[in-house]
Amino acid sequence: MRDTISMPCEIITRNPEIMSGTAVFRGTRVPFQTLVDYLEEGETLDEFLDDFPTVSREMAIAALEHAKALVLSQV
């Protein structure tokens, strides 16, 4: 069973057959959590994109914008 997190163009997806259902960028095996971890550790978006070229800048920004909207809707 596949579950796509509701976001524009279905940027983030979960599939039990891909990385045990971890939320990943669609078409990759790169977890969204990895992007968050990079930013928490003080790395830049460019550094993340260099290390994970299967994730486009547009995908990363869309995912971060969606996460921001979810947080702001809860406060």
PDB file of N, CA and C in Angstrom:
ATOM      1  N   MET A   1       0.849  -1.185   0.000  1.00  0.00           N
ATOM      2  CA  MET A   1       0.000   0.000   0.000  1.00  0.00           C
ATOM      3  C   MET A   1       0.888   1.239   0.000  1.00  0.00           C
ATOM      4  N   ARG A   2       0.570   2.167  -0.841  1.00  0.00           N
ATOM      5  CA  ARG A   2       1.343   3.388  -0.967  1.00  0.00           C
ATOM      6  C   ARG A   2       0.569   4.547  -0.374  1.00  0.00           C
ATOM      7  N   ASP A   3       1.287   5.444   0.279  1.00  0.00           N
ATOM      8  CA  ASP A   3       0.656   6.617   0.877  1.00  0.00           C
ATOM      9  C   ASP A   3       1.476   7.832   0.479  1.00  0.00           C
ATOM     10  N   THR A   4       0.853   8.786  -0.183  1.00  0.00           N
ATOM     11  CA  THR A   4       1.562   9.994  -0.558  1.00  0.00           C
ATOM     12  C   THR A   4       1.114  11.120   0.352  1.00  0.00           C
ATOM     13  N   ILE A   5       2.061  11.786   0.958  1.00  0.00           N
ATOM     14  CA  ILE A   5       1.760  12.935   1.795  1.00  0.00           C
ATOM     15  C   ILE A   5       1.173  14.007   0.895  1.00  0.00           C
ATOM     16  N   SER A   6       0.080  14.615   1.316  1.00  0.00           N
ATOM     17  CA  SER A   6      -0.591  15.603   0.484  1.00  0.00           C
ATOM     18  C   SER A   6       0.279  16.845   0.311  1.00  0.00           C
ATOM     19  N   MET A   7       0.773  17.017  -0.891  1.00  0.00           N
ATOM     20  CA  MET A   7       1.542  18.202  -1.217  1.00  0.00           C
ATOM     21  C   MET A   7       1.572  18.361  -2.723  1.00  0.00           C
ATOM     22  N   PRO A   8       1.876  19.561  -3.194  1.00  0.00           N
ATOM     23  CA  PRO A   8       1.883  19.801  -4.630  1.00  0.00           C
ATOM     24  C   PRO A   8       2.782  18.811  -5.362  1.00  0.00           C
ATOM     25  N   CYS A   9       2.266  18.259  -6.437  1.00  0.00           N
ATOM     26  CA  CYS A   9       3.020  17.350  -7.313  1.00  0.00           C
ATOM     27  C   CYS A   9       3.508  16.109  -6.575  1.00  0.00           C
ATOM     28  N   GLU A  10       2.948  15.829  -5.412  1.00  0.00           N
ATOM     29  CA  GLU A  10       3.329  14.637  -4.662  1.00  0.00           C
ATOM     30  C   GLU A  10       4.847  14.511  -4.537  1.00  0.00           C
ATOM     31  N   ILE A  11       5.476  15.501  -3.975  1.00  0.00           N
ATOM     32  CA  ILE A  11       6.934  15.560  -3.829  1.00  0.00           C
ATOM     33  C   ILE A  11       7.464  14.485  -2.892  1.00  0.00           C
ATOM     34  N   ILE A  12       6.757  14.247  -1.800  1.00  0.00           N
ATOM     35  CA  ILE A  12       7.189  13.270  -0.801  1.00  0.00           C
ATOM     36  C   ILE A  12       6.237  12.080  -0.848  1.00  0.00           C
ATOM     37  N   THR A  13       6.797  10.888  -0.788  1.00  0.00           N
ATOM     38  CA  THR A  13       5.968   9.684  -0.845  1.00  0.00           C
ATOM     39  C   THR A  13       6.445   8.670   0.180  1.00  0.00           C
ATOM     40  N   ARG A  14       5.539   7.784   0.563  1.00  0.00           N
ATOM     41  CA  ARG A  14       5.858   6.667   1.456  1.00  0.00           C
ATOM     42  C   ARG A  14       5.383   5.392   0.778  1.00  0.00           C
ATOM     43  N   ASN A  15       6.235   4.406   0.758  1.00  0.00           N
ATOM     44  CA  ASN A  15       5.899   3.116   0.175  1.00  0.00           C
ATOM     45  C   ASN A  15       6.623   2.065   1.005  1.00  0.00           C
ATOM     46  N   PRO A  16       5.910   1.106   1.567  1.00  0.00           N
ATOM     47  CA  PRO A  16       6.562   0.105   2.407  1.00  0.00           C
ATOM     48  C   PRO A  16       7.666  -0.656   1.681  1.00  0.00           C
ATOM     49  N   GLU A  17       7.635  -0.651   0.368  1.00  0.00           N
ATOM     50  CA  GLU A  17       8.655  -1.358  -0.408  1.00  0.00           C
ATOM     51  C   GLU A  17       9.893  -0.496  -0.680  1.00  0.00           C
ATOM     52  N   ILE A  18       9.827   0.779  -0.334  1.00  0.00           N
ATOM     53  CA  ILE A  18      10.964   1.684  -0.517  1.00  0.00           C
ATOM     54  C   ILE A  18      11.398   2.175   0.856  1.00  0.00           C
ATOM     55  N   MET A  19      12.582   1.794   1.266  1.00  0.00           N
ATOM     56  CA  MET A  19      13.167   2.207   2.549  1.00  0.00           C
ATOM     57  C   MET A  19      12.203   1.984   3.714  1.00  0.00           C
ATOM     58  N   SER A  20      11.499   0.859   3.681  1.00  0.00           N
ATOM     59  CA  SER A  20      10.585   0.444   4.756  1.00  0.00           C
ATOM     60  C   SER A  20       9.507   1.479   5.073  1.00  0.00           C
ATOM     61  N   GLY A  21       9.097   2.233   4.077  1.00  0.00           N
ATOM     62  CA  GLY A  21       8.021   3.196   4.287  1.00  0.00           C
ATOM     63  C   GLY A  21       8.460   4.559   4.776  1.00  0.00           C
ATOM     64  N   THR A  22       9.750   4.808   4.805  1.00  0.00           N
ATOM     65  CA  THR A  22      10.257   6.126   5.184  1.00  0.00           C
ATOM     66  C   THR A  22       9.796   7.152   4.154  1.00  0.00           C
ATOM     67  N   ALA A  23       9.460   8.350   4.592  1.00  0.00           N
ATOM     68  CA  ALA A  23       9.056   9.420   3.675  1.00  0.00           C
ATOM     69  C   ALA A  23      10.264   9.859   2.852  1.00  0.00           C
ATOM     70  N   VAL A  24      10.183   9.667   1.533  1.00  0.00           N
ATOM     71  CA  VAL A  24      11.290   9.998   0.634  1.00  0.00           C
ATOM     72  C   VAL A  24      10.806  10.940  -0.464  1.00  0.00           C
ATOM     73  N   PHE A  25      11.769  11.616  -1.081  1.00  0.00           N
ATOM     74  CA  PHE A  25      11.450  12.421  -2.249  1.00  0.00           C
ATOM     75  C   PHE A  25      11.050  11.474  -3.380  1.00  0.00           C
ATOM     76  N   ARG A  26       9.940  11.754  -4.043  1.00  0.00           N
ATOM     77  CA  ARG A  26       9.420  10.895  -5.108  1.00  0.00           C
ATOM     78  C   ARG A  26      10.499  10.602  -6.145  1.00  0.00           C
ATOM     79  N   GLY A  27      10.588   9.339  -6.536  1.00  0.00           N
ATOM     80  CA  GLY A  27      11.537   8.925  -7.549  1.00  0.00           C
ATOM     81  C   GLY A  27      12.957   8.740  -7.045  1.00  0.00           C
ATOM     82  N   THR A  28      13.143   8.854  -5.721  1.00  0.00           N
ATOM     83  CA  THR A  28      14.475   8.709  -5.128  1.00  0.00           C
ATOM     84  C   THR A  28      14.380   7.784  -3.919  1.00  0.00           C
ATOM     85  N   ARG A  29      15.503   7.540  -3.320  1.00  0.00           N
ATOM     86  CA  ARG A  29      15.561   6.834  -2.044  1.00  0.00           C
ATOM     87  C   ARG A  29      16.117   7.793  -0.976  1.00  0.00           C
ATOM     88  N   VAL A  30      15.925   9.077  -1.188  1.00  0.00           N
ATOM     89  CA  VAL A  30      16.442  10.112  -0.278  1.00  0.00           C
ATOM     90  C   VAL A  30      15.336  10.515   0.693  1.00  0.00           C
ATOM     91  N   PRO A  31      15.488  10.221   1.974  1.00  0.00           N
ATOM     92  CA  PRO A  31      14.473  10.608   2.959  1.00  0.00           C
ATOM     93  C   PRO A  31      14.385  12.131   3.128  1.00  0.00           C
ATOM     94  N   PHE A  32      13.160  12.624   3.295  1.00  0.00           N
ATOM     95  CA  PHE A  32      12.964  14.040   3.607  1.00  0.00           C
ATOM     96  C   PHE A  32      13.707  14.390   4.890  1.00  0.00           C
ATOM     97  N   GLN A  33      13.731  13.458   5.843  1.00  0.00           N
ATOM     98  CA  GLN A  33      14.425  13.681   7.112  1.00  0.00           C
ATOM     99  C   GLN A  33      15.891  14.035   6.898  1.00  0.00           C
ATOM    100  N   THR A  34      16.498  13.506   5.848  1.00  0.00           N
ATOM    101  CA  THR A  34      17.902  13.804   5.566  1.00  0.00           C
ATOM    102  C   THR A  34      18.082  15.290   5.278  1.00  0.00           C
ATOM    103  N   LEU A  35      17.161  15.874   4.540  1.00  0.00           N
ATOM    104  CA  LEU A  35      17.221  17.316   4.275  1.00  0.00           C
ATOM    105  C   LEU A  35      17.105  18.096   5.580  1.00  0.00           C
ATOM    106  N   VAL A  36      16.163  17.711   6.410  1.00  0.00           N
ATOM    107  CA  VAL A  36      15.981  18.388   7.699  1.00  0.00           C
ATOM    108  C   VAL A  36      17.248  18.257   8.545  1.00  0.00           C
ATOM    109  N   ASP A  37      17.835  17.064   8.571  1.00  0.00           N
ATOM    110  CA  ASP A  37      19.060  16.850   9.343  1.00  0.00           C
ATOM    111  C   ASP A  37      20.197  17.738   8.842  1.00  0.00           C
ATOM    112  N   TYR A  38      20.346  17.838   7.531  1.00  0.00           N
ATOM    113  CA  TYR A  38      21.388  18.705   6.958  1.00  0.00           C
ATOM    114  C   TYR A  38      21.211  20.137   7.456  1.00  0.00           C
ATOM    115  N   LEU A  39      19.991  20.637   7.369  1.00  0.00           N
ATOM    116  CA  LEU A  39      19.738  22.023   7.760  1.00  0.00           C
ATOM    117  C   LEU A  39      19.950  22.221   9.257  1.00  0.00           C
ATOM    118  N   GLU A  40      19.538  21.249  10.063  1.00  0.00           N
ATOM    119  CA  GLU A  40      19.748  21.333  11.515  1.00  0.00           C
ATOM    120  C   GLU A  40      21.230  21.372  11.869  1.00  0.00           C
ATOM    121  N   GLU A  41      22.041  20.682  11.081  1.00  0.00           N
ATOM    122  CA  GLU A  41      23.482  20.626  11.344  1.00  0.00           C
ATOM    123  C   GLU A  41      24.234  21.822  10.775  1.00  0.00           C
ATOM    124  N   GLY A  42      23.503  22.773  10.183  1.00  0.00           N
ATOM    125  CA  GLY A  42      24.138  23.973   9.668  1.00  0.00           C
ATOM    126  C   GLY A  42      24.614  23.868   8.229  1.00  0.00           C
ATOM    127  N   GLU A  43      24.297  22.765   7.579  1.00  0.00           N
ATOM    128  CA  GLU A  43      24.649  22.622   6.166  1.00  0.00           C
ATOM    129  C   GLU A  43      23.673  23.456   5.339  1.00  0.00           C
ATOM    130  N   THR A  44      24.074  23.790   4.138  1.00  0.00           N
ATOM    131  CA  THR A  44      23.211  24.593   3.274  1.00  0.00           C
ATOM    132  C   THR A  44      22.375  23.694   2.362  1.00  0.00           C
ATOM    133  N   LEU A  45      21.349  24.281   1.784  1.00  0.00           N
ATOM    134  CA  LEU A  45      20.552  23.570   0.801  1.00  0.00           C
ATOM    135  C   LEU A  45      21.429  23.136  -0.375  1.00  0.00           C
ATOM    136  N   ASP A  46      22.335  24.000  -0.793  1.00  0.00           N
ATOM    137  CA  ASP A  46      23.231  23.653  -1.900  1.00  0.00           C
ATOM    138  C   ASP A  46      24.090  22.432  -1.562  1.00  0.00           C
ATOM    139  N   GLU A  47      24.566  22.348  -0.325  1.00  0.00           N
ATOM    140  CA  GLU A  47      25.359  21.184   0.079  1.00  0.00           C
ATOM    141  C   GLU A  47      24.521  19.903   0.020  1.00  0.00           C
ATOM    142  N   PHE A  48      23.290  19.994   0.491  1.00  0.00           N
ATOM    143  CA  PHE A  48      22.391  18.844   0.409  1.00  0.00           C
ATOM    144  C   PHE A  48      22.183  18.435  -1.046  1.00  0.00           C
ATOM    145  N   LEU A  49      21.901  19.400  -1.904  1.00  0.00           N
ATOM    146  CA  LEU A  49      21.644  19.100  -3.319  1.00  0.00           C
ATOM    147  C   LEU A  49      22.876  18.525  -4.009  1.00  0.00           C
ATOM    148  N   ASP A  50      24.051  19.002  -3.633  1.00  0.00           N
ATOM    149  CA  ASP A  50      25.287  18.437  -4.186  1.00  0.00           C
ATOM    150  C   ASP A  50      25.457  16.976  -3.779  1.00  0.00           C
ATOM    151  N   ASP A  51      25.107  16.667  -2.538  1.00  0.00           N
ATOM    152  CA  ASP A  51      25.268  15.306  -2.031  1.00  0.00           C
ATOM    153  C   ASP A  51      24.162  14.361  -2.505  1.00  0.00           C
ATOM    154  N   PHE A  52      23.011  14.913  -2.876  1.00  0.00           N
ATOM    155  CA  PHE A  52      21.868  14.106  -3.310  1.00  0.00           C
ATOM    156  C   PHE A  52      21.317  14.663  -4.627  1.00  0.00           C
ATOM    157  N   PRO A  53      22.036  14.445  -5.720  1.00  0.00           N
ATOM    158  CA  PRO A  53      21.659  15.047  -7.003  1.00  0.00           C
ATOM    159  C   PRO A  53      20.339  14.539  -7.589  1.00  0.00           C
ATOM    160  N   THR A  54      19.777  13.468  -7.022  1.00  0.00           N
ATOM    161  CA  THR A  54      18.478  12.997  -7.515  1.00  0.00           C
ATOM    162  C   THR A  54      17.329  13.866  -7.002  1.00  0.00           C
ATOM    163  N   VAL A  55      17.614  14.735  -6.040  1.00  0.00           N
ATOM    164  CA  VAL A  55      16.609  15.675  -5.530  1.00  0.00           C
ATOM    165  C   VAL A  55      16.859  17.029  -6.183  1.00  0.00           C
ATOM    166  N   SER A  56      15.850  17.565  -6.834  1.00  0.00           N
ATOM    167  CA  SER A  56      16.003  18.881  -7.468  1.00  0.00           C
ATOM    168  C   SER A  56      15.785  19.988  -6.443  1.00  0.00           C
ATOM    169  N   ARG A  57      16.302  21.153  -6.754  1.00  0.00           N
ATOM    170  CA  ARG A  57      16.100  22.323  -5.886  1.00  0.00           C
ATOM    171  C   ARG A  57      14.602  22.590  -5.712  1.00  0.00           C
ATOM    172  N   GLU A  58      13.854  22.466  -6.794  1.00  0.00           N
ATOM    173  CA  GLU A  58      12.412  22.727  -6.746  1.00  0.00           C
ATOM    174  C   GLU A  58      11.709  21.752  -5.801  1.00  0.00           C
ATOM    175  N   MET A  59      12.124  20.476  -5.855  1.00  0.00           N
ATOM    176  CA  MET A  59      11.533  19.477  -4.961  1.00  0.00           C
ATOM    177  C   MET A  59      11.826  19.815  -3.504  1.00  0.00           C
ATOM    178  N   ALA A  60      13.074  20.141  -3.210  1.00  0.00           N
ATOM    179  CA  ALA A  60      13.473  20.445  -1.833  1.00  0.00           C
ATOM    180  C   ALA A  60      12.736  21.668  -1.305  1.00  0.00           C
ATOM    181  N   ILE A  61      12.674  22.709  -2.104  1.00  0.00           N
ATOM    182  CA  ILE A  61      11.997  23.938  -1.671  1.00  0.00           C
ATOM    183  C   ILE A  61      10.508  23.695  -1.477  1.00  0.00           C
ATOM    184  N   ALA A  62       9.879  22.953  -2.390  1.00  0.00           N
ATOM    185  CA  ALA A  62       8.447  22.659  -2.257  1.00  0.00           C
ATOM    186  C   ALA A  62       8.183  21.872  -0.976  1.00  0.00           C
ATOM    187  N   ALA A  63       9.039  20.910  -0.672  1.00  0.00           N
ATOM    188  CA  ALA A  63       8.864  20.116   0.543  1.00  0.00           C
ATOM    189  C   ALA A  63       9.030  20.977   1.794  1.00  0.00           C
ATOM    190  N   LEU A  64      10.020  21.853   1.793  1.00  0.00           N
ATOM    191  CA  LEU A  64      10.226  22.746   2.943  1.00  0.00           C
ATOM    192  C   LEU A  64       9.076  23.730   3.098  1.00  0.00           C
ATOM    193  N   GLU A  65       8.574  24.250   1.995  1.00  0.00           N
ATOM    194  CA  GLU A  65       7.434  25.175   2.051  1.00  0.00           C
ATOM    195  C   GLU A  65       6.203  24.471   2.616  1.00  0.00           C
ATOM    196  N   HIS A  66       5.998  23.228   2.211  1.00  0.00           N
ATOM    197  CA  HIS A  66       4.860  22.469   2.715  1.00  0.00           C
ATOM    198  C   HIS A  66       5.012  22.216   4.215  1.00  0.00           C
ATOM    199  N   ALA A  67       6.223  21.836   4.632  1.00  0.00           N
ATOM    200  CA  ALA A  67       6.481  21.604   6.062  1.00  0.00           C
ATOM    201  C   ALA A  67       6.237  22.898   6.847  1.00  0.00           C
ATOM    202  N   LYS A  68       6.673  24.012   6.305  1.00  0.00           N
ATOM    203  CA  LYS A  68       6.467  25.312   6.973  1.00  0.00           C
ATOM    204  C   LYS A  68       4.981  25.604   7.115  1.00  0.00           C
ATOM    205  N   ALA A  69       4.222  25.360   6.058  1.00  0.00           N
ATOM    206  CA  ALA A  69       2.780  25.614   6.108  1.00  0.00           C
ATOM    207  C   ALA A  69       2.106  24.728   7.147  1.00  0.00           C
ATOM    208  N   LEU A  70       2.545  23.482   7.251  1.00  0.00           N
ATOM    209  CA  LEU A  70       1.966  22.588   8.262  1.00  0.00           C
ATOM    210  C   LEU A  70       2.254  23.089   9.671  1.00  0.00           C
ATOM    211  N   VAL A  71       3.477  23.534   9.916  1.00  0.00           N
ATOM    212  CA  VAL A  71       3.844  24.042  11.239  1.00  0.00           C
ATOM    213  C   VAL A  71       3.030  25.301  11.544  1.00  0.00           C
ATOM    214  N   LEU A  72       2.978  26.227  10.619  1.00  0.00           N
ATOM    215  CA  LEU A  72       2.270  27.482  10.859  1.00  0.00           C
ATOM    216  C   LEU A  72       0.768  27.269  11.044  1.00  0.00           C
ATOM    217  N   SER A  73       0.221  26.237  10.450  1.00  0.00           N
ATOM    218  CA  SER A  73      -1.207  25.973  10.614  1.00  0.00           C
ATOM    219  C   SER A  73      -1.520  25.401  11.997  1.00  0.00           C
ATOM    220  N   GLN A  74      -0.495  24.961  12.713  1.00  0.00           N
ATOM    221  CA  GLN A  74      -0.686  24.352  14.030  1.00  0.00           C
ATOM    222  C   GLN A  74      -0.448  25.324  15.177  1.00  0.00           C
ATOM    223  N   VAL A  75       0.010  26.538  14.888  1.00  0.00           N
ATOM    224  CA  VAL A  75       0.270  27.485  15.976  1.00  0.00           C
ATOM    225  C   VAL A  75      -0.813  28.528  16.060  1.00  0.00           C
TER     226      VAL A  75
END
